Amino acid sequence: MKSLFAVALAIFIVGTPHEGTAQNLSLKAGAAKVDVTPAETALPRNYEGILDHLYARAIVLDNGATSAALISLDAGGVSEQIWQNVTGQVESELGIPSRNVLLTATHTHSAPAPQAGVYVPKIVEAVRLAKQRLVPARVGYGNGVSYINVNRNI
């Protein structure tokens, strides 16, 4: 996720057109998460209950000329209907162009399929809260080792 964020940030900063004039743009960022866990009574029959909550997480970036939203949803996937509804609302209500919205799923197999009518308002709320929390951003990086997707028998 860190590398995805870094690439999106670089494209956002470098790829923003500036009308040929020197502008003093400053990068702002805000983050938020909203609980999207279905009610226990709304779970499919084969589910035994709720152990961990599910979230929609959003990061909003704004450089003074344009803005972008990076959204992740604890779900197995994101349907076209959810994508269309979220990006439409984010563009019309929050002024973030749909071409600047990245919506992805964490690809958990422990969550029921998201229903657009229930999830869309919560996802948009995460973006709304992130936009309200914009503060001057600092950009940095780090490195390390992560042993994920490694065959434990090796």
Protein backbone atom coordinates (compact mmCIF):
# COMPACT_ATOMS: atom_id res chain seq x y z
CA MET A 1 0.00 0.00 0.00
CA LYS A 2 2.90 2.34 0.76
CA SER A 3 4.33 1.96 -2.74
CA LEU A 4 0.89 2.50 -4.30
CA PHE A 5 0.51 5.68 -2.26
CA ALA A 6 3.98 6.89 -3.29
CA VAL A 7 3.27 6.33 -6.99
CA ALA A 8 -0.13 8.05 -6.77
CA LEU A 9 1.40 10.98 -4.88
CA ALA A 10 4.19 11.37 -7.44
CA ILE A 11 1.73 11.31 -10.35
CA PHE A 12 -0.53 13.77 -8.55
CA ILE A 13 2.29 16.25 -7.80
CA VAL A 14 4.17 15.99 -11.10
CA GLY A 15 1.17 15.41 -13.35
CA THR A 16 -0.85 18.46 -12.37
CA PRO A 17 -1.03 21.06 -15.17
CA HIS A 18 -0.02 24.56 -14.14
CA GLU A 19 -1.17 26.82 -16.99
CA GLY A 20 2.43 27.90 -17.60
CA THR A 21 2.52 30.25 -14.60
CA ALA A 22 4.61 29.83 -11.49
CA GLN A 23 2.26 29.11 -8.64
CA ASN A 24 3.15 28.63 -5.02
CA LEU A 25 1.27 25.41 -4.41
CA SER A 26 1.46 23.59 -1.12
CA LEU A 27 0.46 20.00 -0.64
CA LYS A 28 -2.17 19.20 1.97
CA ALA A 29 -3.32 15.76 3.07
CA GLY A 30 -6.12 14.43 5.23
CA ALA A 31 -7.08 10.92 6.30
CA ALA A 32 -10.13 9.23 7.78
CA LYS A 33 -11.77 5.86 8.22
CA VAL A 34 -15.43 4.95 8.61
CA ASP A 35 -16.77 1.66 9.95
CA VAL A 36 -18.62 -0.24 7.20
CA THR A 37 -19.21 -3.44 9.20
CA PRO A 38 -22.67 -4.83 8.44
CA ALA A 39 -25.04 -5.37 11.34
CA GLU A 40 -24.78 -8.88 12.72
CA THR A 41 -28.38 -9.50 11.65
CA ALA A 42 -27.43 -8.60 8.05
CA LEU A 43 -24.66 -11.19 7.79
CA PRO A 44 -25.11 -14.17 5.46
CA ARG A 45 -26.31 -17.38 7.16
CA ASN A 46 -22.91 -19.10 7.11
CA TYR A 47 -21.22 -16.27 9.07
CA GLU A 48 -20.75 -16.87 12.79
CA GLY A 49 -20.51 -13.24 13.90
CA ILE A 50 -18.18 -10.27 13.85
CA LEU A 51 -14.61 -10.61 15.06
CA ASP A 52 -12.99 -7.58 13.40
CA HIS A 53 -14.68 -4.50 12.02
CA LEU A 54 -14.49 -3.51 8.36
CA TYR A 55 -13.56 0.01 7.27
CA ALA A 56 -13.52 2.39 4.34
CA ARG A 57 -10.26 4.36 4.58
CA ALA A 58 -9.58 7.53 2.62
CA ILE A 59 -6.65 9.85 2.04
CA VAL A 60 -7.37 13.15 0.31
CA LEU A 61 -4.56 15.14 -1.29
CA ASP A 62 -4.89 18.77 -2.35
CA ASN A 63 -2.21 20.98 -3.89
CA GLY A 64 -4.27 24.14 -4.24
CA ALA A 65 -5.04 23.52 -7.91
CA THR A 66 -6.65 20.09 -7.78
CA SER A 67 -7.39 17.28 -5.38
CA ALA A 68 -7.34 13.49 -5.33
CA ALA A 69 -8.77 10.73 -3.16
CA LEU A 70 -7.16 7.36 -2.41
CA ILE A 71 -9.76 5.00 -0.95
CA SER A 72 -9.51 1.44 0.31
CA LEU A 73 -12.47 -0.70 1.30
CA ASP A 74 -12.32 -3.84 3.45
CA ALA A 75 -14.07 -6.08 0.94
CA GLY A 76 -13.34 -8.86 -1.50
CA GLY A 77 -13.79 -6.49 -4.43
CA VAL A 78 -15.51 -3.33 -5.61
CA SER A 79 -18.35 -3.54 -8.11
CA GLU A 80 -18.73 -1.19 -11.06
CA GLN A 81 -21.94 0.14 -9.48
CA ILE A 82 -20.13 1.09 -6.25
CA TRP A 83 -17.29 2.70 -8.28
CA GLN A 84 -19.75 4.76 -10.36
CA ASN A 85 -21.82 5.87 -7.35
CA VAL A 86 -18.81 6.76 -5.18
CA THR A 87 -16.92 8.68 -7.85
CA GLY A 88 -20.09 10.47 -8.95
CA GLN A 89 -20.87 11.64 -5.42
CA VAL A 90 -17.25 12.51 -4.61
CA GLU A 91 -17.07 14.65 -7.76
CA SER A 92 -20.43 16.39 -7.36
CA GLU A 93 -20.42 16.85 -3.57
CA LEU A 94 -16.72 17.25 -2.77
CA GLY A 95 -15.28 18.64 -6.01
CA ILE A 96 -12.74 15.83 -6.47
CA PRO A 97 -12.66 14.84 -10.16
CA SER A 98 -13.52 11.17 -10.72
CA ARG A 99 -10.31 10.76 -12.76
CA ASN A 100 -8.42 11.60 -9.52
CA VAL A 101 -10.12 8.90 -7.43
CA LEU A 102 -8.46 5.56 -6.71
CA LEU A 103 -10.85 3.05 -5.11
CA THR A 104 -9.52 -0.38 -4.21
CA ALA A 105 -10.49 -3.33 -2.04
CA THR A 106 -8.23 -4.96 0.54
CA HIS A 107 -9.39 -8.27 -0.94
CA THR A 108 -10.47 -9.88 2.29
CA HIS A 109 -12.32 -13.19 2.08
CA SER A 110 -13.83 -12.56 5.53
CA ALA A 111 -16.33 -9.91 4.49
CA PRO A 112 -19.67 -10.32 2.74
CA ALA A 113 -20.04 -8.76 -0.71
CA PRO A 114 -20.57 -5.01 -0.32
CA GLN A 115 -24.06 -3.75 -1.14
CA ALA A 116 -23.97 -0.39 -2.97
CA GLY A 117 -26.89 1.12 -1.06
CA VAL A 118 -25.21 0.47 2.29
CA TYR A 119 -21.54 1.02 1.45
CA VAL A 120 -21.59 4.06 -0.87
CA PRO A 121 -22.69 6.66 1.73
CA LYS A 122 -20.10 5.33 4.18
CA ILE A 123 -17.29 5.40 1.62
CA VAL A 124 -18.21 8.95 0.60
CA GLU A 125 -18.31 9.92 4.30
CA ALA A 126 -14.72 8.68 4.71
CA VAL A 127 -13.65 10.92 1.82
CA ARG A 128 -15.65 13.85 3.22
CA LEU A 129 -13.99 13.50 6.64
CA ALA A 130 -10.53 13.17 5.06
CA LYS A 131 -11.12 16.36 3.07
CA GLN A 132 -12.25 18.20 6.22
CA ARG A 133 -9.01 17.12 7.93
CA LEU A 134 -6.61 18.53 5.33
CA VAL A 135 -3.37 19.81 6.88
CA PRO A 136 0.03 20.71 5.38
CA ALA A 137 1.70 17.47 4.30
CA ARG A 138 5.25 16.27 4.51
CA VAL A 139 6.59 13.75 2.02
CA GLY A 140 9.15 11.16 3.07
CA TYR A 141 10.09 7.57 2.57
CA GLY A 142 11.68 4.67 4.35
CA ASN A 143 12.80 1.18 3.64
CA GLY A 144 12.62 -2.14 5.38
CA VAL A 145 11.89 -5.82 4.96
CA SER A 146 8.48 -7.44 4.97
CA TYR A 147 8.09 -11.19 4.73
CA ILE A 148 4.64 -11.44 3.19
CA ASN A 149 3.63 -13.91 0.49
CA VAL A 150 6.62 -16.07 1.39
CA ASN A 151 6.33 -19.84 1.45
CA ARG A 152 6.74 -20.64 5.15
CA ASN A 153 8.36 -23.98 4.26
CA ILE A 154 11.34 -22.36 2.50
